[in-house]
Protein backbone atom coordinates (compact mmCIF):
# COMPACT_ATOMS: atom_id res chain seq x y z
CA UNK A 1 22.63 -60.72 6.54
CA UNK A 2 20.09 -62.41 8.75
CA UNK A 3 20.96 -65.34 10.96
CA UNK A 4 19.89 -68.84 10.07
CA UNK A 5 17.66 -70.42 12.65
CA UNK A 6 17.95 -74.02 13.77
CA UNK A 7 16.16 -76.31 11.34
CA UNK A 8 16.63 -74.19 8.21
CA UNK A 9 18.46 -76.17 5.59
CA UNK A 10 18.92 -73.63 2.81
CA UNK A 11 19.01 -69.85 2.58
CA UNK A 12 19.16 -67.82 -0.61
CA UNK A 13 19.93 -69.03 -4.09
CA UNK A 14 23.07 -70.96 -4.93
CA UNK A 15 24.44 -68.12 -7.02
CA UNK A 16 23.93 -65.53 -4.30
CA UNK A 17 25.26 -67.43 -1.32
CA UNK A 18 28.30 -69.10 -2.92
CA UNK A 19 29.59 -66.29 -5.11
CA UNK A 20 33.29 -65.77 -4.34
CA UNK A 21 34.51 -62.23 -3.69
CA UNK A 22 38.22 -61.51 -4.14
CA UNK A 23 39.52 -58.73 -1.87
CA UNK A 24 42.85 -57.04 -2.68
CA UNK A 25 45.20 -56.81 0.31
CA UNK A 26 48.86 -56.43 1.18
CA UNK A 27 51.17 -58.06 3.74
CA UNK A 28 50.85 -57.06 7.39
CA UNK A 29 54.06 -57.27 9.42
CA UNK A 30 54.38 -59.53 12.43
CA UNK A 31 52.06 -62.41 11.49
CA UNK A 32 54.54 -65.14 12.43
CA UNK A 33 52.80 -67.87 14.43
CA UNK A 34 54.59 -69.24 17.49
CA UNK A 35 54.18 -72.60 19.21
CA UNK A 36 50.67 -71.55 20.25
CA UNK A 37 49.62 -69.82 17.04
CA UNK A 38 49.32 -66.09 16.40
CA UNK A 39 48.46 -63.79 19.32
CA UNK A 40 47.93 -60.05 19.27
CA UNK A 41 45.70 -57.45 20.84
CA UNK A 42 42.03 -57.94 20.01
CA UNK A 43 41.83 -54.58 18.25
CA UNK A 44 44.71 -55.67 16.01
CA UNK A 45 42.72 -58.72 14.93
CA UNK A 46 39.69 -56.49 14.38
CA UNK A 47 41.63 -54.17 12.08
CA UNK A 48 41.13 -54.32 8.33
CA UNK A 49 42.43 -57.48 6.62
CA UNK A 50 44.36 -58.73 9.69
CA UNK A 51 42.42 -61.93 10.43
CA UNK A 52 41.63 -62.53 6.77
CA UNK A 53 45.29 -62.28 5.71
CA UNK A 54 46.33 -64.92 8.23
CA UNK A 55 43.46 -67.31 7.44
CA UNK A 56 44.03 -67.05 3.68
CA UNK A 57 47.76 -67.59 4.18
CA UNK A 58 46.97 -70.72 6.18
CA UNK A 59 44.51 -72.10 3.62
CA UNK A 60 47.01 -71.44 0.81
CA UNK A 61 49.76 -73.20 2.80
CA UNK A 62 47.54 -76.24 3.29
CA UNK A 63 46.76 -76.47 -0.42
CA UNK A 64 50.46 -76.16 -1.21
CA UNK A 65 51.18 -79.03 1.19
CA UNK A 66 48.62 -81.25 -0.55
CA UNK A 67 46.04 -81.13 2.25
CA UNK A 68 42.57 -82.06 0.86
CA UNK A 69 40.96 -78.68 1.50
CA UNK A 70 38.49 -78.80 -1.39
CA UNK A 71 35.47 -80.85 -0.38
CA UNK A 72 37.00 -81.50 3.03
CA UNK A 73 35.83 -80.89 6.60
CA UNK A 74 37.17 -77.99 8.71
CA UNK A 75 36.48 -77.37 12.41
CA UNK A 76 36.18 -73.75 13.61
CA UNK A 77 35.59 -72.76 17.26
CA UNK A 78 37.26 -71.05 20.18
CA UNK A 79 37.35 -70.24 23.88
CA UNK A 80 34.54 -67.68 23.83
CA UNK A 81 36.66 -64.57 24.27
CA UNK A 82 35.67 -61.23 22.73
CA UNK A 83 35.61 -61.26 18.89
CA UNK A 84 35.31 -65.07 18.87
CA UNK A 85 31.84 -65.22 17.27
CA UNK A 86 32.59 -62.56 14.66
CA UNK A 87 35.84 -64.25 13.66
CA UNK A 88 34.07 -67.61 13.26
CA UNK A 89 31.58 -66.12 10.78
CA UNK A 90 34.43 -64.59 8.75
CA UNK A 91 36.37 -67.87 8.62
CA UNK A 92 33.24 -69.79 7.60
CA UNK A 93 32.86 -67.49 4.59
CA UNK A 94 36.54 -67.88 3.72
CA UNK A 95 36.34 -71.67 4.07
CA UNK A 96 33.42 -71.73 1.63
CA UNK A 97 35.40 -69.64 -0.86
CA UNK A 98 38.33 -72.07 -0.56
CA UNK A 99 36.06 -74.96 -1.57
CA UNK A 100 35.73 -76.57 1.87
CA UNK A 101 32.75 -78.93 1.85
CA UNK A 102 31.79 -78.93 5.52
CA UNK A 103 32.45 -76.75 8.55
CA UNK A 104 31.90 -78.02 12.09
CA UNK A 105 31.38 -75.63 15.02
CA UNK A 106 30.73 -76.19 18.70
CA UNK A 107 27.53 -74.57 19.93
CA UNK A 108 27.97 -70.90 20.89
CA UNK A 109 31.22 -71.11 18.94
CA UNK A 110 32.83 -72.92 21.87
CA UNK A 111 35.37 -75.72 21.90
CA UNK A 112 38.12 -76.10 24.45
CA UNK A 113 41.53 -76.69 22.90
CA UNK A 114 41.59 -80.39 23.92
CA UNK A 115 37.99 -80.75 22.71
CA UNK A 116 39.05 -79.37 19.33
CA UNK A 117 41.67 -82.11 19.16
CA UNK A 118 39.07 -84.71 20.18
CA UNK A 119 36.63 -83.52 17.51
CA UNK A 120 39.27 -83.66 14.77
CA UNK A 121 40.35 -87.14 15.85
CA UNK A 122 37.05 -88.83 16.66
CA UNK A 123 33.87 -87.03 15.55
CA UNK A 124 33.80 -88.51 12.03
CA UNK A 125 33.27 -91.94 13.66
CA UNK A 126 35.16 -93.55 10.80
CA UNK A 127 32.78 -92.35 8.08
CA UNK A 128 34.61 -92.17 4.75
CA UNK A 129 35.54 -88.66 3.68
CA UNK A 130 34.20 -87.01 6.84
CA UNK A 131 37.36 -86.80 8.96
CA UNK A 132 38.48 -83.15 9.28
CA UNK A 133 41.70 -82.11 7.62
CA UNK A 134 42.20 -79.71 10.53
CA UNK A 135 40.73 -76.91 12.57
CA UNK A 136 41.08 -73.25 13.57
CA UNK A 137 41.15 -72.62 17.33
CA UNK A 138 40.33 -69.03 18.25
CA UNK A 139 42.10 -68.50 21.54
CA UNK A 140 44.91 -66.68 23.27
CA UNK A 141 44.91 -69.38 25.96
CA UNK A 142 45.33 -67.93 29.46
CA UNK A 143 45.86 -64.36 28.24
CA UNK A 144 43.11 -61.90 29.28
CA UNK A 145 40.17 -61.47 26.91
CA UNK A 146 38.20 -58.38 25.91
CA UNK A 147 38.28 -55.61 23.33
CA UNK A 148 41.34 -54.06 24.99
CA UNK A 149 43.04 -57.39 25.72
CA UNK A 150 44.23 -60.36 23.65
CA UNK A 151 42.99 -62.57 20.83
CA UNK A 152 44.61 -65.46 19.01
CA UNK A 153 44.27 -68.06 16.29
CA UNK A 154 45.97 -71.43 15.86
CA UNK A 155 45.69 -74.10 13.19
CA UNK A 156 45.65 -77.77 14.19
CA UNK A 157 46.32 -80.56 11.70
CA UNK A 158 44.51 -83.79 10.89
CA UNK A 159 46.04 -85.57 13.89
CA UNK A 160 44.41 -83.01 16.18
CA UNK A 161 47.73 -81.43 17.16
CA UNK A 162 49.35 -78.05 16.46
CA UNK A 163 50.67 -77.50 12.96
CA UNK A 164 54.33 -78.53 12.62
CA UNK A 165 57.05 -75.94 12.03
CA UNK A 166 57.17 -76.74 8.32
CA UNK A 167 53.54 -75.61 7.97
CA UNK A 168 53.75 -72.59 10.28
CA UNK A 169 56.85 -71.39 8.42
CA UNK A 170 54.97 -71.63 5.13
CA UNK A 171 52.01 -69.77 6.64
CA UNK A 172 54.34 -66.98 7.70
CA UNK A 173 55.99 -66.83 4.30
CA UNK A 174 52.55 -66.49 2.71
CA UNK A 175 51.66 -63.59 5.05
CA UNK A 176 54.69 -61.69 3.71
CA UNK A 177 53.61 -62.00 0.06
CA UNK A 178 49.80 -62.11 0.17
CA UNK A 179 48.00 -59.96 -2.41
CA UNK A 180 44.37 -61.06 -2.04
CA UNK A 181 41.97 -63.14 -0.01
CA UNK A 182 38.64 -64.73 -0.92
CA UNK A 183 35.34 -65.15 0.87
CA UNK A 184 31.69 -65.83 0.11
CA UNK A 185 30.16 -62.54 1.25
CA UNK A 186 26.63 -63.69 0.37
CA UNK A 187 26.57 -66.46 2.96
CA UNK A 188 24.22 -65.68 5.85
CA UNK A 189 25.43 -65.53 9.43
CA UNK A 190 25.15 -69.00 10.96
CA UNK A 191 23.16 -69.32 14.19
CA UNK A 192 25.68 -70.78 16.66
CA UNK A 193 23.37 -70.61 19.68
CA UNK A 194 22.15 -74.22 19.40
CA UNK A 195 22.94 -77.43 17.51
CA UNK A 196 21.71 -77.46 13.92
CA UNK A 197 22.70 -78.26 10.35
CA UNK A 198 22.68 -75.76 7.49
CA UNK A 199 23.07 -76.60 3.80
CA UNK A 200 23.98 -73.84 1.38
CA UNK A 201 24.71 -73.38 -2.29
CA UNK A 202 22.46 -76.18 -3.44
CA UNK A 203 24.34 -78.64 -1.23
CA UNK A 204 27.84 -77.49 -2.12
CA UNK A 205 28.55 -76.28 1.41
CA UNK A 206 27.30 -77.35 4.82
CA UNK A 207 27.76 -76.06 8.38
CA UNK A 208 27.05 -78.31 11.37
CA UNK A 209 26.71 -76.86 14.87
CA UNK A 210 26.97 -79.50 17.61
CA UNK A 211 27.10 -79.86 21.39
CA UNK A 212 30.59 -78.61 22.29
CA UNK A 213 30.98 -81.12 25.14
CA UNK A 214 29.90 -84.45 23.70
CA UNK A 215 33.01 -85.53 21.75
CA UNK A 216 35.54 -84.66 24.42
CA UNK A 217 33.47 -86.19 27.22
CA UNK A 218 32.85 -89.31 25.14
CA UNK A 219 36.59 -89.74 24.63
CA UNK A 220 37.34 -89.19 28.32
CA UNK A 221 34.77 -91.86 29.20
CA UNK A 222 36.91 -94.30 27.24
CA UNK A 223 39.99 -93.30 29.25
CA UNK A 224 38.61 -93.18 32.81
CA UNK A 225 36.27 -95.21 35.02
CA UNK A 226 33.49 -92.66 35.51
CA UNK A 227 31.64 -95.08 37.81
CA UNK A 228 34.53 -95.27 40.27
CA UNK A 229 34.89 -91.48 40.29
CA UNK A 230 31.14 -91.09 40.84
CA UNK A 231 31.43 -93.38 43.87
CA UNK A 232 34.16 -91.09 45.25
CA UNK A 233 31.82 -88.10 44.89
CA UNK A 234 29.12 -90.03 46.74
CA UNK A 235 31.24 -90.25 49.89
CA UNK A 236 29.98 -87.93 52.62
CA UNK A 237 33.53 -86.95 53.56
CA UNK A 238 34.55 -86.04 50.00
CA UNK A 239 34.18 -82.39 49.03
CA UNK A 240 35.08 -80.72 45.77
CA UNK A 241 35.41 -77.30 44.15
CA UNK A 242 36.24 -76.36 40.56
CA UNK A 243 37.11 -72.93 39.17
CA UNK A 244 36.41 -72.43 35.45
CA UNK A 245 37.81 -68.87 35.61
CA UNK A 246 34.98 -67.79 33.26
CA UNK A 247 36.70 -69.57 30.37
CA UNK A 248 35.45 -72.21 27.96
CA UNK A 249 35.53 -75.06 30.52
CA UNK A 250 32.22 -74.10 32.14
CA UNK A 251 29.91 -76.31 30.01
CA UNK A 252 32.33 -79.24 30.32
CA UNK A 253 32.52 -78.86 34.11
CA UNK A 254 28.74 -78.80 34.43
CA UNK A 255 28.20 -81.84 32.22
CA UNK A 256 30.95 -83.95 33.82
CA UNK A 257 31.13 -82.93 37.47
CA UNK A 258 27.48 -82.08 38.13
CA UNK A 259 25.51 -84.20 35.63
CA UNK A 260 27.80 -87.26 35.56
CA UNK A 261 29.40 -87.37 39.02
CA UNK A 262 26.62 -85.75 41.04
CA UNK A 263 28.59 -82.82 42.43
CA UNK A 264 26.39 -79.98 43.69
CA UNK A 265 26.15 -77.04 41.31
CA UNK A 266 27.49 -74.86 44.13
CA UNK A 267 30.86 -76.65 43.85
CA UNK A 268 31.50 -74.88 40.53
CA UNK A 269 33.07 -71.41 40.62
CA UNK A 270 33.18 -68.98 37.69
CA UNK A 271 31.84 -71.57 35.27
CA UNK A 272 29.85 -69.18 33.08
CA UNK A 273 31.99 -68.41 30.00
CA UNK A 274 32.50 -64.67 29.56
CA UNK A 275 34.05 -62.74 26.70
CA UNK A 276 36.42 -60.98 29.11
CA UNK A 277 36.89 -63.92 31.54
CA UNK A 278 35.35 -61.73 34.23
CA UNK A 279 37.32 -58.63 33.34
CA UNK A 280 39.34 -56.27 35.55
CA UNK A 281 36.64 -56.23 38.24
CA UNK A 282 36.95 -59.99 38.88
CA UNK A 283 39.21 -61.51 41.50
CA UNK A 284 41.51 -62.80 38.75
CA UNK A 285 41.37 -59.44 36.91
CA UNK A 286 40.24 -61.37 33.84
CA UNK A 287 43.52 -63.32 33.76
CA UNK A 288 42.22 -66.88 33.32
CA UNK A 289 45.46 -68.54 34.32
CA UNK A 290 45.18 -71.43 36.83
CA UNK A 291 47.98 -70.70 39.27
CA UNK A 292 48.39 -69.46 42.84
CA UNK A 293 48.59 -65.84 41.71
CA UNK A 294 45.54 -65.58 39.46
CA UNK A 295 43.09 -68.25 40.68
CA UNK A 296 42.58 -66.12 43.78
CA UNK A 297 39.14 -67.37 44.81
CA UNK A 298 39.99 -71.07 44.49
CA UNK A 299 43.32 -70.71 46.30
CA UNK A 300 41.68 -68.93 49.25
CA UNK A 301 38.87 -71.50 49.34
CA UNK A 302 41.51 -74.25 49.56
CA UNK A 303 43.16 -72.52 52.54
CA UNK A 304 46.28 -71.02 50.96
CA UNK A 305 47.60 -67.63 49.86
CA UNK A 306 49.34 -66.80 46.57
CA UNK A 307 52.66 -67.97 48.03
CA UNK A 308 51.16 -71.37 48.84
CA UNK A 309 51.21 -70.73 52.59
CA UNK A 310 48.33 -71.75 54.84
CA UNK A 311 45.78 -69.14 55.88
CA UNK A 312 42.92 -69.15 58.35
CA UNK A 313 39.55 -70.12 56.86
CA UNK A 314 36.02 -69.83 58.23
CA UNK A 315 35.30 -73.45 57.28
CA UNK A 316 37.30 -76.57 56.46
CA UNK A 317 38.62 -76.40 52.86
CA UNK A 318 37.36 -79.00 50.36
CA UNK A 319 39.25 -82.27 49.94
CA UNK A 320 39.92 -81.54 46.26
CA UNK A 321 40.13 -78.36 44.21
CA UNK A 322 41.09 -77.64 40.62
CA UNK A 323 41.01 -74.90 37.99
CA UNK A 324 41.27 -74.42 34.22
CA UNK A 325 42.56 -71.59 32.05
CA UNK A 326 40.72 -69.70 29.30
CA UNK A 327 40.86 -72.46 26.66
CA UNK A 328 40.90 -75.30 29.24
CA UNK A 329 44.15 -76.93 28.22
CA UNK A 330 45.86 -76.03 31.51
CA UNK A 331 45.06 -77.19 35.02
CA UNK A 332 45.89 -76.58 38.64
CA UNK A 333 45.53 -79.33 41.26
CA UNK A 334 45.00 -78.59 44.95
CA UNK A 335 44.12 -80.44 48.11
CA UNK A 336 42.96 -79.09 51.44
CA UNK A 337 45.66 -76.53 52.36
CA UNK A 338 47.93 -78.12 49.76
CA UNK A 339 49.18 -77.08 46.32
CA UNK A 340 50.56 -79.76 44.01
CA UNK A 341 53.02 -78.23 41.55
CA UNK A 342 52.55 -79.17 37.87
CA UNK A 343 55.90 -80.99 37.88
CA UNK A 344 54.84 -83.13 40.85
CA UNK A 345 51.35 -83.61 39.46
CA UNK A 346 52.75 -85.08 36.25
CA UNK A 347 55.04 -87.43 38.17
CA UNK A 348 52.24 -88.59 40.48
CA UNK A 349 49.88 -89.29 37.55
CA UNK A 350 52.54 -91.34 35.74
CA UNK A 351 53.42 -93.26 38.93
CA UNK A 352 49.75 -94.15 39.47
CA UNK A 353 48.67 -94.49 35.84
CA UNK A 354 47.79 -98.18 36.16
CA UNK A 355 44.63 -97.29 38.12
CA UNK A 356 43.32 -95.49 35.01
CA UNK A 357 41.67 -98.03 32.64
CA UNK A 358 43.26 -96.58 29.50
CA UNK A 359 46.73 -97.11 31.01
CA UNK A 360 45.98 -100.30 32.97
CA UNK A 361 48.35 -102.42 30.87
CA UNK A 362 51.18 -99.99 31.54
CA UNK A 363 52.75 -96.97 29.90
CA UNK A 364 55.16 -97.31 26.99
CA UNK A 365 56.54 -93.81 27.27
CA UNK A 366 56.38 -90.43 29.01
CA UNK A 367 57.91 -87.00 28.53
CA UNK A 368 58.32 -83.54 30.03
CA UNK A 369 59.33 -80.16 28.73
CA UNK A 370 62.94 -79.20 29.46
CA UNK A 371 62.12 -76.57 32.16
CA UNK A 372 59.89 -79.05 34.03
CA UNK A 373 61.46 -80.59 37.12
CA UNK A 374 63.09 -84.03 36.89
CA UNK A 375 60.50 -85.64 39.19
CA UNK A 376 59.10 -87.50 36.16
CA UNK A 377 62.53 -88.94 35.35
CA UNK A 378 62.76 -90.61 38.76
CA UNK A 379 59.41 -92.34 38.21
CA UNK A 380 60.20 -93.46 34.66
CA UNK A 381 63.54 -94.90 35.80
CA UNK A 382 61.83 -97.03 38.44
CA UNK A 383 59.06 -98.11 36.06
CA UNK A 384 61.60 -98.93 33.36
CA UNK A 385 59.86 -96.96 30.62
CA UNK A 386 61.37 -94.57 28.05
CA UNK A 387 61.21 -90.89 28.99
CA UNK A 388 62.03 -87.81 26.98
CA UNK A 389 63.05 -84.21 27.62
CA UNK A 390 61.66 -81.96 24.87
CA UNK A 391 61.52 -78.21 24.17
CA UNK A 392 58.54 -76.21 25.36
CA UNK A 393 55.67 -76.69 22.88
CA UNK A 394 53.10 -79.47 22.72
CA UNK A 395 53.93 -80.36 19.11
CA UNK A 396 57.13 -82.07 20.32
CA UNK A 397 55.04 -84.46 22.44
CA UNK A 398 52.80 -85.09 19.41
CA UNK A 399 55.64 -86.62 17.39
CA UNK A 400 56.38 -89.06 20.22
CA UNK A 401 52.69 -90.02 20.40
CA UNK A 402 52.51 -90.56 16.63
CA UNK A 403 55.74 -92.58 16.51
CA UNK A 404 55.07 -96.00 14.97
CA UNK A 405 51.79 -94.89 13.35
CA UNK A 406 51.15 -94.30 9.65
CA UNK A 407 52.68 -90.84 10.14
CA UNK A 408 56.01 -92.34 11.23
CA UNK A 409 56.04 -96.04 10.27
CA UNK A 410 58.90 -98.19 11.47
CA UNK A 411 59.55 -96.04 14.52
CA UNK A 412 59.15 -97.29 18.12
CA UNK A 413 55.67 -97.10 19.65
CA UNK A 414 55.53 -95.02 22.83
CA UNK A 415 51.79 -95.15 23.45
CA UNK A 416 50.06 -95.38 25.89
CA UNK A 417 51.84 -92.15 26.77
CA UNK A 418 51.56 -89.34 29.35
CA UNK A 419 53.36 -85.99 29.21
CA UNK A 420 53.37 -82.53 30.72
CA UNK A 421 55.09 -79.24 31.36
CA UNK A 422 55.69 -76.99 34.34
CA UNK A 423 53.41 -74.29 32.94
CA UNK A 424 50.35 -76.21 34.19
CA UNK A 425 49.88 -78.43 31.12
CA UNK A 426 49.29 -82.20 31.33
CA UNK A 427 48.01 -84.69 28.77
CA UNK A 428 47.93 -88.15 27.27
CA UNK A 429 47.82 -89.71 23.82
CA UNK A 430 43.99 -89.66 23.67
CA UNK A 431 44.35 -86.20 22.07
CA UNK A 432 47.27 -84.17 20.72
CA UNK A 433 46.91 -81.17 23.03
CA UNK A 434 47.40 -80.64 26.71
CA UNK A 435 44.12 -81.36 28.45
CA UNK A 436 43.06 -79.67 31.69
CA UNK A 437 40.09 -81.98 32.22
CA UNK A 438 42.28 -85.05 31.67
CA UNK A 439 44.57 -84.02 34.54
CA UNK A 440 41.66 -83.41 36.91
CA UNK A 441 40.02 -86.75 36.07
CA UNK A 442 43.39 -88.52 36.46
CA UNK A 443 43.68 -87.17 39.99
CA UNK A 444 40.08 -88.07 40.79
CA UNK A 445 40.73 -91.60 39.51
CA UNK A 446 43.82 -91.83 41.72
CA UNK A 447 41.85 -90.62 44.75
CA UNK A 448 39.09 -93.12 43.96
CA UNK A 449 41.70 -95.91 43.91
CA UNK A 450 43.26 -94.65 47.16
CA UNK A 451 39.88 -94.60 48.91
CA UNK A 452 38.23 -97.99 48.31
CA UNK A 453 36.75 -98.22 51.82
CA UNK A 454 34.26 -95.45 52.68
CA UNK A 455 34.57 -96.41 56.36
CA UNK A 456 38.20 -95.26 56.45
CA UNK A 457 39.40 -91.63 56.58
CA UNK A 458 39.63 -89.91 53.21
CA UNK A 459 43.04 -89.87 51.52
CA UNK A 460 43.61 -86.52 49.82
CA UNK A 461 45.93 -84.84 47.36
CA UNK A 462 48.51 -83.94 50.01
CA UNK A 463 48.57 -87.52 51.33
CA UNK A 464 49.12 -88.98 47.87
CA UNK A 465 51.84 -86.46 46.99
CA UNK A 466 53.74 -86.91 50.26
CA UNK A 467 53.63 -90.69 49.87
CA UNK A 468 55.03 -90.19 46.35
CA UNK A 469 57.92 -88.11 47.75
CA UNK A 470 58.69 -90.85 50.27
CA UNK A 471 59.01 -93.41 47.48
CA UNK A 472 60.69 -91.41 44.71
CA UNK A 473 62.27 -88.47 46.52
CA UNK A 474 61.27 -84.85 46.09
CA UNK A 475 62.35 -82.47 43.34
CA UNK A 476 61.94 -78.90 44.59
CA UNK A 477 60.92 -76.43 41.92
CA UNK A 478 60.49 -72.67 41.61
CA UNK A 479 59.73 -70.51 38.59
CA UNK A 480 60.28 -66.78 38.22
CA UNK A 481 58.71 -64.82 35.37
CA UNK A 482 60.10 -61.50 34.19
CA UNK A 483 57.50 -59.77 32.03
CA UNK A 484 57.68 -56.71 29.81
CA UNK A 485 61.45 -56.91 29.43
CA UNK A 486 63.34 -55.36 26.51
CA UNK A 487 63.68 -58.17 23.95
CA UNK A 488 67.09 -57.18 22.47
CA UNK A 489 68.50 -56.77 25.98
CA UNK A 490 67.15 -60.17 27.01
CA UNK A 491 68.65 -61.80 23.92
CA UNK A 492 71.99 -60.12 24.65
CA UNK A 493 71.87 -61.48 28.22
CA UNK A 494 71.19 -65.02 26.97
CA UNK A 495 74.07 -64.79 24.48
CA UNK A 496 76.41 -63.60 27.24
CA UNK A 497 75.45 -66.59 29.42
CA UNK A 498 76.08 -69.03 26.59
CA UNK A 499 79.48 -67.43 25.94
CA UNK A 500 80.40 -67.77 29.61
CA UNK A 501 79.27 -71.39 29.98
CA UNK A 502 82.42 -73.29 28.88
CA UNK A 503 84.56 -71.58 31.55
CA UNK A 504 81.98 -72.32 34.26
CA UNK A 505 81.91 -76.11 33.78
CA UNK A 506 83.74 -77.74 36.68
CA UNK A 507 83.54 -74.67 38.91
CA UNK A 508 81.83 -74.71 42.29
CA UNK A 509 79.08 -72.37 43.49
CA UNK A 510 78.24 -72.55 47.22
CA UNK A 511 79.55 -76.09 47.37
CA UNK A 512 77.69 -77.21 44.24
CA UNK A 513 79.82 -78.25 41.26
CA UNK A 514 78.61 -77.39 37.74
CA UNK A 515 78.80 -80.62 35.75
CA UNK A 516 77.21 -79.39 32.52
CA UNK A 517 76.29 -76.04 31.00
CA UNK A 518 74.78 -75.62 27.55
CA UNK A 519 72.08 -74.18 25.32
CA UNK A 520 69.48 -76.95 25.10
CA UNK A 521 69.19 -78.48 21.64
CA UNK A 522 66.62 -81.17 20.85
CA UNK A 523 67.17 -83.90 18.29
CA UNK A 524 63.73 -85.34 17.61
CA UNK A 525 64.03 -89.15 17.65
CA UNK A 526 60.90 -89.49 15.50
CA UNK A 527 61.25 -87.09 12.55
CA UNK A 528 64.97 -86.31 12.88
CA UNK A 529 64.46 -82.56 13.16
CA UNK A 530 66.77 -80.42 15.30
CA UNK A 531 65.44 -77.58 17.47
CA UNK A 532 68.15 -75.20 18.65
CA UNK A 533 68.28 -72.36 21.18
CA UNK A 534 65.67 -73.90 23.48
CA UNK A 535 67.00 -72.55 26.78
CA UNK A 536 70.20 -72.07 28.77
CA UNK A 537 70.95 -74.86 31.27
CA UNK A 538 73.33 -75.07 34.22
CA UNK A 539 73.30 -78.62 35.60
CA UNK A 540 75.07 -79.48 38.86
CA UNK A 541 76.60 -82.84 39.82
CA UNK A 542 73.72 -83.37 42.25
CA UNK A 543 71.19 -83.11 39.42
CA UNK A 544 70.02 -79.66 40.52
CA UNK A 545 69.50 -77.20 37.67
CA UNK A 546 69.12 -73.55 36.74
CA UNK A 547 67.23 -72.95 33.50
CA UNK A 548 66.85 -69.63 31.66
CA UNK A 549 64.43 -69.43 28.76
CA UNK A 550 62.94 -66.67 26.62
CA UNK A 551 59.19 -67.25 26.29
């Protein structure tokens, strides 16, 4: 079918475009979504019925849970990886068949993961009946993209956050019993290349394509003082570089850093979204993961190697550097010849949150994932605010953010709230996802506050972090990843450690006494749920820890 051009409001007759086709199918093994949705090889998603089975199972689960799918608004977009645009067209047709009234898409089919959350939470502008009941994010996050690489899909609920376990379990159950899926095959392909509105089926169904940046940037402007950050960029001794790693963040980086703050376009690296994130030939080998190992070009530009050690450079490194992953929910923060670990970055942001307008009156809560270092705890203790240790997975932060709202009335209110995890994710309660741009703007706001006098030498990331260590102490942190391991063998190893733990409590290793050893179990203070088997912990009397976790 031909594409609809911008400005067309109706294509084909109502009967043709909205006729529902029922396609027989059967269950496909392995469609159990994890904390970040369902991820598989791209070719698996391109195989017959694979995507359709999962989407239909999700729509059926929502109807079963009483979600107002019929006549409602659904957001569909992704990180721009290979198969993204094709998948969007398929889901649009399935949404129409399910009775959805409106579909919203970012232009070019792009929305970063935090932008998706922002759109769900704010784009309706309070108009009755327009607020989305949820959205499909097409992303495999930092995993490589391309026809021979990875693809993914995740459903986010009406609060803008990942679907809770109750919903994902129902989705999975549906995938094991599915017999058919439905779609409106007669709908034309929607032109995603530019903003436009398309009405189909005599007004029964509408698709709106909008600027993918505007909602997220508008929300961030309510959180941060863009004027103060722009003044920082205007300093002659302030220099900046940002690596989009050819992911979805490119348009956001251009609009915010160049158009809003006045950074030169040359300060942006790899900010053209590509379906393969640059592919094997790129410096990152198409692995859009913002860390010392994969953000090779940025790390070298900032004067370090992949081990974080200083290297010789032909020119002085920029004062500030940062990077995003494929779907822009992760971040890496660097200064000139300085790497700030995600655990330290979170602690520094919380310690300095009062310079950010949204948090000026003070935080009411903060949290970290269990494997994240305890640097945040030290700050929260001094600030006298509640802090939480949760399992890995952003949905656990979401409950804390929604505590005391209509979702959980009568519970304590912990917002304004900041949280993060050691895997380069940081965020606040403005959205219900980790937000790479939020972390970068938080650091820029801190640097703006630390540099009020342009006549004085510039204070950089390393200066701020070292001053933080002087005040709160330093929590050293190291992470080792073991990839491609045999799953049954890994599970057997974890079970053996748990079995050995009771006898190890009270013993001493190299002068360090083990005070506690357990399998981390989280009792959610908001919804009362219990999450077991969240990682093996060995905690010493000094507070030092070893953590083992299956990802």
